[in-house]
N, C-alpha and C. Protein backbone atom coordinates (compact mmCIF):
# COMPACT_ATOMS: atom_id res chain seq x y z
N LEU A 1 -25.17 -7.92 20.73
CA LEU A 1 -24.24 -7.51 19.68
C LEU A 1 -24.94 -7.46 18.32
N PHE A 2 -25.60 -8.57 17.97
CA PHE A 2 -26.26 -8.62 16.65
C PHE A 2 -27.71 -8.21 16.80
N TYR A 3 -28.03 -7.04 16.25
CA TYR A 3 -29.39 -6.56 16.28
C TYR A 3 -29.79 -6.18 14.85
N PRO A 4 -31.04 -6.23 14.50
CA PRO A 4 -31.46 -5.87 13.14
C PRO A 4 -31.12 -4.42 12.84
N ALA A 5 -30.27 -4.20 11.84
CA ALA A 5 -29.81 -2.85 11.52
C ALA A 5 -30.92 -2.08 10.82
N SER A 6 -31.03 -0.80 11.17
CA SER A 6 -32.03 0.03 10.53
C SER A 6 -31.55 0.42 9.13
N PRO A 7 -32.45 0.76 8.24
CA PRO A 7 -32.03 1.14 6.88
C PRO A 7 -31.02 2.28 6.88
N VAL A 8 -31.15 3.21 7.82
CA VAL A 8 -30.22 4.35 7.86
C VAL A 8 -28.81 3.86 8.13
N GLU A 9 -28.66 2.95 9.09
CA GLU A 9 -27.32 2.44 9.39
C GLU A 9 -26.74 1.70 8.19
N ILE A 10 -27.58 0.93 7.50
CA ILE A 10 -27.10 0.21 6.31
C ILE A 10 -26.61 1.21 5.27
N VAL A 11 -27.41 2.26 5.02
CA VAL A 11 -27.03 3.25 4.01
C VAL A 11 -25.75 3.96 4.42
N VAL A 12 -25.65 4.33 5.71
CA VAL A 12 -24.46 5.04 6.18
C VAL A 12 -23.22 4.16 6.02
N SER A 13 -23.34 2.91 6.42
CA SER A 13 -22.18 2.01 6.31
C SER A 13 -21.81 1.81 4.84
N LEU A 14 -22.80 1.66 3.98
CA LEU A 14 -22.51 1.52 2.55
C LEU A 14 -21.81 2.77 2.01
N CYS A 15 -22.32 3.94 2.40
CA CYS A 15 -21.71 5.19 1.92
C CYS A 15 -20.27 5.30 2.41
N LEU A 16 -20.04 4.97 3.68
CA LEU A 16 -18.67 5.03 4.21
C LEU A 16 -17.76 4.08 3.45
N THR A 17 -18.22 2.85 3.26
CA THR A 17 -17.39 1.88 2.54
C THR A 17 -17.11 2.35 1.12
N PHE A 18 -18.16 2.86 0.46
CA PHE A 18 -18.00 3.31 -0.92
C PHE A 18 -17.04 4.50 -1.00
N SER A 19 -17.20 5.47 -0.08
CA SER A 19 -16.35 6.66 -0.12
C SER A 19 -14.90 6.26 0.15
N VAL A 20 -14.68 5.35 1.11
CA VAL A 20 -13.31 4.93 1.40
C VAL A 20 -12.70 4.24 0.18
N SER A 21 -13.48 3.37 -0.46
CA SER A 21 -12.95 2.67 -1.64
C SER A 21 -12.68 3.66 -2.77
N VAL A 22 -13.56 4.65 -2.95
CA VAL A 22 -13.36 5.64 -4.01
C VAL A 22 -12.10 6.45 -3.72
N VAL A 23 -11.94 6.88 -2.47
CA VAL A 23 -10.75 7.66 -2.12
C VAL A 23 -9.49 6.84 -2.36
N PHE A 24 -9.52 5.58 -1.98
CA PHE A 24 -8.36 4.71 -2.20
C PHE A 24 -8.09 4.55 -3.69
N PHE A 25 -9.16 4.35 -4.47
CA PHE A 25 -9.01 4.15 -5.92
C PHE A 25 -8.42 5.41 -6.57
N VAL A 26 -8.97 6.58 -6.21
CA VAL A 26 -8.48 7.83 -6.78
C VAL A 26 -7.03 8.06 -6.36
N GLY A 27 -6.73 7.79 -5.10
CA GLY A 27 -5.35 7.96 -4.64
C GLY A 27 -4.40 7.05 -5.38
N ALA A 28 -4.84 5.82 -5.65
CA ALA A 28 -3.98 4.89 -6.39
C ALA A 28 -3.74 5.40 -7.80
N ILE A 29 -4.80 5.90 -8.45
CA ILE A 29 -4.66 6.41 -9.82
C ILE A 29 -3.72 7.61 -9.82
N VAL A 30 -3.96 8.55 -8.92
CA VAL A 30 -3.13 9.76 -8.88
C VAL A 30 -1.68 9.39 -8.58
N GLY A 31 -1.47 8.48 -7.63
CA GLY A 31 -0.11 8.07 -7.32
C GLY A 31 0.56 7.40 -8.50
N TRP A 32 -0.18 6.55 -9.20
CA TRP A 32 0.39 5.86 -10.36
C TRP A 32 0.77 6.87 -11.43
N ILE A 33 -0.13 7.85 -11.69
CA ILE A 33 0.15 8.85 -12.73
C ILE A 33 1.37 9.67 -12.33
N SER A 34 1.43 10.10 -11.07
CA SER A 34 2.55 10.94 -10.64
C SER A 34 3.85 10.15 -10.72
N VAL A 35 3.83 8.88 -10.31
CA VAL A 35 5.04 8.08 -10.36
C VAL A 35 5.49 7.89 -11.81
N SER A 36 4.54 7.61 -12.71
CA SER A 36 4.91 7.42 -14.11
C SER A 36 5.43 8.73 -14.70
N GLU A 37 4.80 9.86 -14.34
CA GLU A 37 5.28 11.16 -14.83
C GLU A 37 6.71 11.39 -14.36
N ILE A 38 6.97 11.16 -13.07
CA ILE A 38 8.32 11.36 -12.53
C ILE A 38 9.30 10.43 -13.24
N TYR A 39 8.88 9.18 -13.46
CA TYR A 39 9.77 8.20 -14.09
C TYR A 39 10.12 8.65 -15.51
N TYR A 40 9.08 9.06 -16.28
CA TYR A 40 9.35 9.46 -17.66
C TYR A 40 10.17 10.74 -17.70
N SER A 41 9.90 11.69 -16.81
CA SER A 41 10.69 12.92 -16.80
C SER A 41 12.13 12.61 -16.46
N CYS A 42 12.37 11.70 -15.52
CA CYS A 42 13.74 11.32 -15.18
C CYS A 42 14.41 10.67 -16.37
N MET A 43 13.69 9.79 -17.06
CA MET A 43 14.27 9.14 -18.23
C MET A 43 14.61 10.19 -19.29
N ALA A 44 13.71 11.16 -19.49
CA ALA A 44 13.96 12.22 -20.46
C ALA A 44 15.19 13.03 -20.04
N CYS A 45 15.28 13.35 -18.75
CA CYS A 45 16.43 14.11 -18.26
C CYS A 45 17.72 13.33 -18.49
N LEU A 46 17.69 12.04 -18.21
CA LEU A 46 18.88 11.22 -18.39
C LEU A 46 19.26 11.18 -19.87
N ASN A 47 18.27 11.01 -20.74
CA ASN A 47 18.55 10.98 -22.17
C ASN A 47 19.15 12.32 -22.62
N GLU A 48 18.57 13.43 -22.15
CA GLU A 48 19.10 14.74 -22.53
C GLU A 48 20.52 14.90 -22.04
N SER A 49 20.79 14.51 -20.82
CA SER A 49 22.14 14.68 -20.26
C SER A 49 23.13 13.82 -21.04
N SER A 50 22.72 12.61 -21.41
CA SER A 50 23.64 11.75 -22.17
C SER A 50 23.89 12.37 -23.54
N GLU A 51 22.83 12.92 -24.17
CA GLU A 51 23.04 13.57 -25.47
C GLU A 51 23.97 14.76 -25.32
N ILE A 52 23.78 15.54 -24.27
CA ILE A 52 24.64 16.71 -24.06
C ILE A 52 26.09 16.26 -23.86
N SER A 53 26.29 15.22 -23.05
CA SER A 53 27.66 14.75 -22.81
C SER A 53 28.26 14.25 -24.12
N GLU A 54 27.45 13.58 -24.95
CA GLU A 54 27.97 13.13 -26.24
C GLU A 54 28.36 14.33 -27.10
N GLU A 55 27.52 15.38 -27.08
CA GLU A 55 27.84 16.56 -27.88
C GLU A 55 29.15 17.19 -27.40
N THR A 56 29.30 17.33 -26.09
CA THR A 56 30.53 17.94 -25.59
C THR A 56 31.73 17.05 -25.95
N TYR A 57 31.52 15.73 -25.91
CA TYR A 57 32.60 14.82 -26.28
C TYR A 57 32.97 15.02 -27.74
N ASP A 58 31.98 15.14 -28.61
CA ASP A 58 32.25 15.39 -30.02
C ASP A 58 32.96 16.73 -30.20
N ASP A 59 32.52 17.75 -29.48
CA ASP A 59 33.19 19.04 -29.57
C ASP A 59 34.65 18.93 -29.16
N ARG A 60 34.91 18.21 -28.07
CA ARG A 60 36.30 18.03 -27.64
C ARG A 60 37.10 17.33 -28.73
N LYS A 61 36.52 16.30 -29.31
CA LYS A 61 37.22 15.58 -30.38
C LYS A 61 37.57 16.53 -31.51
N GLN A 62 36.60 17.34 -31.93
CA GLN A 62 36.85 18.27 -33.03
C GLN A 62 37.94 19.26 -32.64
N LYS A 63 37.91 19.76 -31.43
CA LYS A 63 38.94 20.71 -31.00
C LYS A 63 40.31 20.04 -31.00
N GLU A 64 40.37 18.82 -30.47
CA GLU A 64 41.66 18.12 -30.43
C GLU A 64 42.17 17.86 -31.84
N SER A 65 41.29 17.42 -32.73
CA SER A 65 41.72 17.16 -34.10
C SER A 65 42.15 18.47 -34.77
N GLY A 66 41.44 19.57 -34.46
CA GLY A 66 41.84 20.85 -35.02
C GLY A 66 43.21 21.26 -34.52
N ILE A 67 43.50 21.05 -33.25
CA ILE A 67 44.81 21.39 -32.69
C ILE A 67 45.88 20.54 -33.36
N GLN A 68 45.61 19.25 -33.52
CA GLN A 68 46.59 18.38 -34.15
C GLN A 68 46.83 18.81 -35.60
N ASN A 69 45.78 19.21 -36.30
CA ASN A 69 45.96 19.65 -37.69
C ASN A 69 46.80 20.92 -37.73
N GLN A 70 46.60 21.81 -36.78
CA GLN A 70 47.40 23.04 -36.76
C GLN A 70 48.87 22.70 -36.52
N LYS A 71 49.14 21.73 -35.63
CA LYS A 71 50.53 21.35 -35.37
C LYS A 71 51.16 20.79 -36.64
N ASN A 72 50.41 19.96 -37.35
CA ASN A 72 50.95 19.37 -38.57
C ASN A 72 51.16 20.46 -39.61
């Protein structure tokens, strides 16, 4: 089982380990960036929707007050 490894095998194993770690590292970075982008875009969408709902609520208030003023 244990035999003296040739330099080629050492280099190949090192390259495989390094490439796997690099791929994992890059994947982690890309995943983190994509998750943060999705999170921030969702937060922005939620903020926009809440602002829009507030605007429509204000518009309704103005319309209701205008109707009441007309009645008076």
